[in-house]
Protein backbone atom coordinates (compact mmCIF):
# COMPACT_ATOMS: atom_id res chain seq x y z
CA MET A 1 -0.06 0.30 -0.05
CA VAL A 2 1.60 3.26 -1.11
CA LYS A 3 1.39 6.26 1.25
CA GLU A 4 -0.81 9.20 -0.38
CA PHE A 5 0.70 12.53 0.04
CA SER A 6 -1.11 15.29 1.70
CA TYR A 7 0.13 18.84 2.69
CA ARG A 8 -1.37 19.90 5.95
CA GLY A 9 -3.95 17.28 5.65
CA ILE A 10 -5.24 18.29 1.99
CA PRO A 11 -4.47 15.74 -0.75
CA GLN A 12 -2.68 16.54 -4.05
CA GLU A 13 -5.53 16.48 -6.44
CA GLU A 14 -7.45 19.10 -4.11
CA LEU A 15 -4.22 21.41 -3.72
CA GLU A 16 -3.92 21.86 -7.72
CA ARG A 17 -7.63 22.61 -7.82
CA MET A 18 -7.49 25.34 -4.77
CA SER A 19 -6.99 29.10 -5.61
CA LEU A 20 -4.24 30.93 -4.76
CA GLU A 21 -5.79 32.85 -1.93
CA LYS A 22 -6.48 29.47 -0.14
CA LEU A 23 -3.16 28.26 -0.67
CA PHE A 24 -1.76 31.38 0.77
CA GLN A 25 -3.82 30.71 4.01
CA ILE A 26 -2.45 27.19 4.13
CA PHE A 27 1.24 28.15 3.71
CA ASN A 28 3.69 29.22 6.45
CA SER A 29 4.16 32.94 6.94
CA ARG A 30 7.42 33.38 5.39
CA GLN A 31 5.98 31.83 2.18
CA ARG A 32 2.72 33.77 2.57
CA ARG A 33 4.82 36.89 2.75
CA SER A 34 7.01 36.17 -0.27
CA LEU A 35 3.99 35.50 -2.44
CA THR A 36 1.70 38.48 -1.57
CA ARG A 37 4.57 40.91 -2.15
CA GLY A 38 4.27 40.20 -5.64
CA ILE A 39 6.09 38.05 -8.30
CA THR A 40 8.89 39.49 -10.16
CA ASP A 41 9.35 39.45 -14.00
CA GLY A 42 11.93 36.69 -13.65
CA LYS A 43 9.63 34.38 -11.55
CA ARG A 44 6.82 35.18 -13.83
CA LYS A 45 8.79 34.07 -16.98
CA LEU A 46 9.79 30.88 -15.13
CA ILE A 47 6.41 30.07 -13.93
CA GLU A 48 5.22 30.45 -17.51
CA GLU A 49 8.02 28.00 -18.81
CA ILE A 50 6.98 25.46 -16.03
CA LYS A 51 3.13 25.89 -17.20
CA ALA A 52 4.41 25.32 -20.80
CA ALA A 53 6.58 22.26 -19.66
CA LYS A 54 3.58 20.58 -17.87
CA ALA A 55 1.54 20.82 -20.94
CA GLY A 56 4.21 19.31 -23.17
CA LYS A 57 4.86 22.40 -25.33
CA LEU A 58 8.41 22.90 -24.25
CA LYS A 59 11.07 20.62 -25.54
CA ASN A 60 14.19 22.06 -23.86
CA PRO A 61 15.00 21.64 -20.15
CA ILE A 62 14.21 24.59 -18.06
CA LYS A 63 17.32 26.38 -16.58
CA THR A 64 17.00 29.24 -14.10
CA HIS A 65 18.98 31.06 -11.56
CA CYS A 66 15.70 31.89 -9.60
CA ARG A 67 16.44 29.98 -6.29
CA ASP A 68 13.56 31.77 -4.04
CA LEU A 69 10.68 30.65 -6.12
CA ILE A 70 8.19 28.86 -3.96
CA ILE A 71 6.94 25.50 -5.18
CA LEU A 72 3.19 25.56 -5.90
CA PRO A 73 1.09 22.44 -6.46
CA TYR A 74 0.91 22.88 -10.14
CA MET A 75 4.57 22.60 -10.74
CA VAL A 76 4.69 19.20 -9.67
CA GLY A 77 6.40 16.83 -11.96
CA VAL A 78 8.32 19.38 -14.06
CA PRO A 79 12.19 18.95 -13.94
CA VAL A 80 13.98 22.18 -13.59
CA ASN A 81 17.81 22.87 -13.82
CA VAL A 82 18.63 25.29 -10.99
CA PHE A 83 21.98 27.20 -10.70
CA SER A 84 24.31 26.28 -7.88
CA GLY A 85 26.84 29.09 -8.52
CA LYS A 86 28.88 26.79 -10.65
CA GLU A 87 26.80 24.79 -12.72
CA PHE A 88 22.86 23.99 -13.30
CA VAL A 89 21.78 21.14 -11.05
CA PRO A 90 18.46 19.00 -12.19
CA VAL A 91 15.66 18.94 -9.88
CA HIS A 92 12.50 17.06 -10.42
CA ILE A 93 9.70 18.69 -8.40
CA LYS A 94 7.76 16.05 -6.41
CA THR A 95 4.61 16.38 -4.33
CA GLU A 96 6.72 16.67 -0.88
CA MET A 97 8.36 19.82 -2.08
CA ILE A 98 5.33 22.06 -2.12
CA GLY A 99 5.65 25.09 0.07
CA HIS A 100 9.69 25.00 -0.26
CA TYR A 101 12.04 26.96 -2.11
CA LEU A 102 13.68 25.78 -5.21
CA GLY A 103 17.00 26.56 -3.97
CA GLU A 104 16.79 24.16 -0.91
CA TYR A 105 17.26 21.26 -3.17
CA VAL A 106 20.63 22.54 -4.81
CA ILE A 107 23.70 22.73 -2.55
CA THR A 108 25.80 25.84 -3.19
CA ASN A 109 28.91 24.79 -1.49
CA LYS A 110 30.62 21.61 -1.28
CA ARG A 111 32.66 19.77 1.51
CA VAL A 112 36.33 20.95 1.80
CA SER A 113 38.97 18.28 1.96
CA HIS A 114 42.39 19.41 2.90
CA GLY A 115 45.23 17.67 1.48
CA ALA A 116 48.65 17.25 2.90
CA PRO A 117 50.71 20.56 3.03
CA GLY A 118 53.14 20.79 -0.02
CA VAL A 119 56.75 21.87 0.16
CA GLY A 120 57.20 25.35 1.05
CA ALA A 121 53.86 25.65 2.77
CA SER A 122 55.26 26.57 5.87
CA ARG A 123 58.84 27.15 7.62
CA SER A 124 59.01 23.69 9.01
CA SER A 125 58.04 21.92 5.67
CA LEU A 126 61.60 22.94 4.23
CA TYR A 127 63.26 20.32 6.54
CA VAL A 128 60.82 17.44 5.58
CA PRO A 129 62.45 15.05 3.29
CA LEU A 130 60.87 14.40 -0.03
CA LYS A 131 61.62 10.73 -0.27
């Protein structure tokens, strides 16, 4: 038996049919504030591309630098390439991501692994034998 996803007790199908005003009431205050302050031109263009991809009209993958877009229910199922600061990382939007930001799923920094110091890195390394 597969567990059915629900966002705050509301199933996925009902979320997609819900108006934006009702969605705003369900979201947390941070998401509500971000959405009620308006959508910029870059976000609006990305939303239109996502709708076109969902309808099957778009062939190329969606690439974006917009990491602060809140994932809404109608975006589910669309792959988006989000810029991490170095490269575009593919993110496939799932139902569990509703209400989160796109940037949360793309790490911008990587773990630092320091190697051994080289010759000349410090004064004491001058006396370390090479072999």
